[in-house]
Structure formats: structure tokens, C-alpha cells
C-alpha atoms as a PDB file:
ATOM      1  CA  MET A   1     121.643  74.552 106.586  1.00  0.00           C
ATOM      2  CA  LYS A   2     119.479  72.328 104.212  1.00  0.00           C
ATOM      3  CA  ARG A   3     118.705  73.254 100.629  1.00  0.00           C
ATOM      4  CA  ARG A   4     115.106  73.671 100.195  1.00  0.00           C
ATOM      5  CA  LEU A   5     113.878  73.660  96.556  1.00  0.00           C
ATOM      6  CA  ALA A   6     110.583  75.170  97.667  1.00  0.00           C
ATOM      7  CA  HIS A   7     112.516  78.227  99.046  1.00  0.00           C
ATOM      8  CA  ILE A   8     114.389  78.540  95.683  1.00  0.00           C
ATOM      9  CA  GLN A   9     111.112  78.314  93.772  1.00  0.00           C
ATOM     10  CA  VAL A  10     109.542  80.975  95.909  1.00  0.00           C
ATOM     11  CA  LEU A  11     112.611  83.346  95.810  1.00  0.00           C
ATOM     12  CA  LEU A  12     112.948  83.116  91.982  1.00  0.00           C
ATOM     13  CA  GLY A  13     109.070  83.482  91.468  1.00  0.00           C
ATOM     14  CA  ILE A  14     109.348  86.860  93.507  1.00  0.00           C
ATOM     15  CA  VAL A  15     112.217  88.056  91.518  1.00  0.00           C
ATOM     16  CA  GLU A  16     110.336  87.164  88.206  1.00  0.00           C
ATOM     17  CA  ASP A  17     107.020  89.009  89.388  1.00  0.00           C
ATOM     18  CA  GLN A  18     108.593  92.060  91.197  1.00  0.00           C
ATOM     19  CA  ALA A  19     111.810  92.946  89.272  1.00  0.00           C
ATOM     20  CA  ASP A  20     111.700  95.722  86.573  1.00  0.00           C
ATOM     21  CA  ASN A  21     114.258  95.775  83.576  1.00  0.00           C
ATOM     22  CA  PHE A  22     117.084  96.584  86.041  1.00  0.00           C
ATOM     23  CA  GLY A  23     116.419  93.915  88.764  1.00  0.00           C
ATOM     24  CA  LEU A  24     115.062  94.016  92.175  1.00  0.00           C
ATOM     25  CA  LYS A  25     116.393  95.669  95.430  1.00  0.00           C
ATOM     26  CA  ASN A  26     117.786  93.048  97.943  1.00  0.00           C
ATOM     27  CA  LYS A  27     115.732  94.690 100.852  1.00  0.00           C
ATOM     28  CA  VAL A  28     112.410  94.548  98.689  1.00  0.00           C
ATOM     29  CA  LEU A  29     113.321  90.764  97.932  1.00  0.00           C
ATOM     30  CA  LEU A  30     113.801  90.061 101.727  1.00  0.00           C
ATOM     31  CA  SER A  31     110.479  91.875 102.675  1.00  0.00           C
ATOM     32  CA  GLU A  32     108.592  90.033  99.956  1.00  0.00           C
ATOM     33  CA  CYS A  33     110.003  86.664 100.935  1.00  0.00           C
ATOM     34  CA  LEU A  34     109.083  87.249 104.561  1.00  0.00           C
ATOM     35  CA  LYS A  35     105.394  88.019 103.788  1.00  0.00           C
ATOM     36  CA  SER A  36     105.224  85.272 100.968  1.00  0.00           C
ATOM     37  CA  PRO A  37     101.606  83.703 101.118  1.00  0.00           C
ATOM     38  CA  THR A  38     103.054  80.387 101.275  1.00  0.00           C
ATOM     39  CA  GLY A  39     104.844  80.972 104.561  1.00  0.00           C
ATOM     40  CA  GLN A  40     107.994  79.205 103.089  1.00  0.00           C
ATOM     41  CA  PHE A  41     110.507  81.409 104.967  1.00  0.00           C
ATOM     42  CA  ALA A  42     110.607  81.566 108.777  1.00  0.00           C
ATOM     43  CA  GLU A  43     113.482  83.749 109.122  1.00  0.00           C
ATOM     44  CA  ALA A  44     115.819  85.852 107.208  1.00  0.00           C
ATOM     45  CA  GLU A  45     118.671  83.420 107.454  1.00  0.00           C
ATOM     46  CA  GLN A  46     116.851  80.999 105.176  1.00  0.00           C
ATOM     47  CA  ILE A  47     116.285  83.783 102.607  1.00  0.00           C
ATOM     48  CA  ASP A  48     119.980  84.649 102.735  1.00  0.00           C
ATOM     49  CA  TYR A  49     120.842  81.100 102.114  1.00  0.00           C
ATOM     50  CA  ALA A  50     118.497  80.459  99.136  1.00  0.00           C
ATOM     51  CA  LEU A  51     119.625  83.702  97.608  1.00  0.00           C
ATOM     52  CA  TYR A  52     123.311  82.514  98.028  1.00  0.00           C
ATOM     53  CA  LEU A  53     122.419  79.253  96.304  1.00  0.00           C
ATOM     54  CA  CYS A  54     120.729  81.004  93.570  1.00  0.00           C
ATOM     55  CA  LEU A  55     123.562  83.141  92.833  1.00  0.00           C
ATOM     56  CA  GLU A  56     125.961  80.324  93.143  1.00  0.00           C
ATOM     57  CA  GLN A  57     124.130  78.336  90.656  1.00  0.00           C
ATOM     58  CA  GLY A  58     123.705  81.216  88.266  1.00  0.00           C
ATOM     59  CA  TYR A  59     120.033  81.575  88.523  1.00  0.00           C
ATOM     60  CA  LEU A  60     120.309  85.178  89.693  1.00  0.00           C
ATOM     61  CA  LYS A  61     123.095  87.736  89.185  1.00  0.00           C
ATOM     62  CA  SER A  62     123.889  90.330  91.663  1.00  0.00           C
ATOM     63  CA  VAL A  63     123.462  93.877  90.358  1.00  0.00           C
ATOM     64  CA  LYS A  64     123.711  97.725  91.445  1.00  0.00           C
ATOM     65  CA  LEU A  65     120.577  99.511  91.421  1.00  0.00           C
ATOM     66  CA  THR A  66     119.829 103.306  91.187  1.00  0.00           C
ATOM     67  CA  SER A  67     122.097 106.274  91.454  1.00  0.00           C
ATOM     68  CA  ASN A  68     123.284 105.389  94.971  1.00  0.00           C
ATOM     69  CA  LEU A  69     124.182 101.758  93.823  1.00  0.00           C
ATOM     70  CA  ASP A  70     121.580  99.687  96.175  1.00  0.00           C
ATOM     71  CA  PRO A  71     122.534  96.023  95.926  1.00  0.00           C
ATOM     72  CA  GLY A  72     119.995  93.864  94.064  1.00  0.00           C
ATOM     73  CA  VAL A  73     119.512  90.837  91.891  1.00  0.00           C
ATOM     74  CA  GLN A  74     118.240  89.937  88.421  1.00  0.00           C
ATOM     75  CA  LEU A  75     117.064  86.774  86.960  1.00  0.00           C
ATOM     76  CA  THR A  76     119.275  85.030  84.423  1.00  0.00           C
ATOM     77  CA  TRP A  77     118.378  82.850  81.592  1.00  0.00           C
ATOM     78  CA  ALA A  78     119.142  79.862  83.660  1.00  0.00           C
ATOM     79  CA  GLY A  79     116.815  81.217  86.228  1.00  0.00           C
ATOM     80  CA  HIS A  80     113.970  81.647  83.697  1.00  0.00           C
ATOM     81  CA  ASP A  81     114.509  78.068  82.593  1.00  0.00           C
ATOM     82  CA  TYR A  82     114.473  76.857  86.078  1.00  0.00           C
ATOM     83  CA  LEU A  83     111.235  78.449  86.673  1.00  0.00           C
ATOM     84  CA  GLU A  84     109.751  77.222  83.393  1.00  0.00           C
ATOM     85  CA  ALA A  85     110.838  73.643  84.010  1.00  0.00           C
ATOM     86  CA  ASN A  86     109.377  73.511  87.667  1.00  0.00           C
ATOM     87  CA  ARG A  87     105.905  74.921  87.018  1.00  0.00           C
END
């Protein structure tokens, strides 16, 4: 699978816009990416790969949300820096 910087930008932007102080649930992120107005993501596999790359690079960190420990993500300092540099 190819690394698409447009996917990274959209995914990080969604986390920045939608997350609260604790992060954003993975299932919410998936849903928001699929209905993104830019139409960047055609399938969930592309989102999974972009998410993997963001976690691997340190732009996002994995978190557990709520009392039932739903998996989620939170934007890191590096993720904020990436978004600022690419606006």
C-alpha cells in the first residue's frame, strides 16, 4: 500500500477537530474519515494504513477512552507540528 500524505493530513485534521481532552474513539475516526468531504478515503483499509503510519511516526498516540476502555487516539505534539507545517 502507498503512503498518501493527503490521507495523513485528513486523518490528523479530523482528530484535531473532533477529539476532546481525552482523545477520539477509533470507531468515530473511521466513520468521519469515510464521510470526509474531500473523498480521500475509498475504503477502511486506507484509513487503517494511514492510522498505522501516524502512530508509527508519533503523530498520534493510542489511548483508552471511557470506563469500558474503548480504543482511541490522541494528537501528539509532533502531530500538531505536522498540521501547522502543512497548512
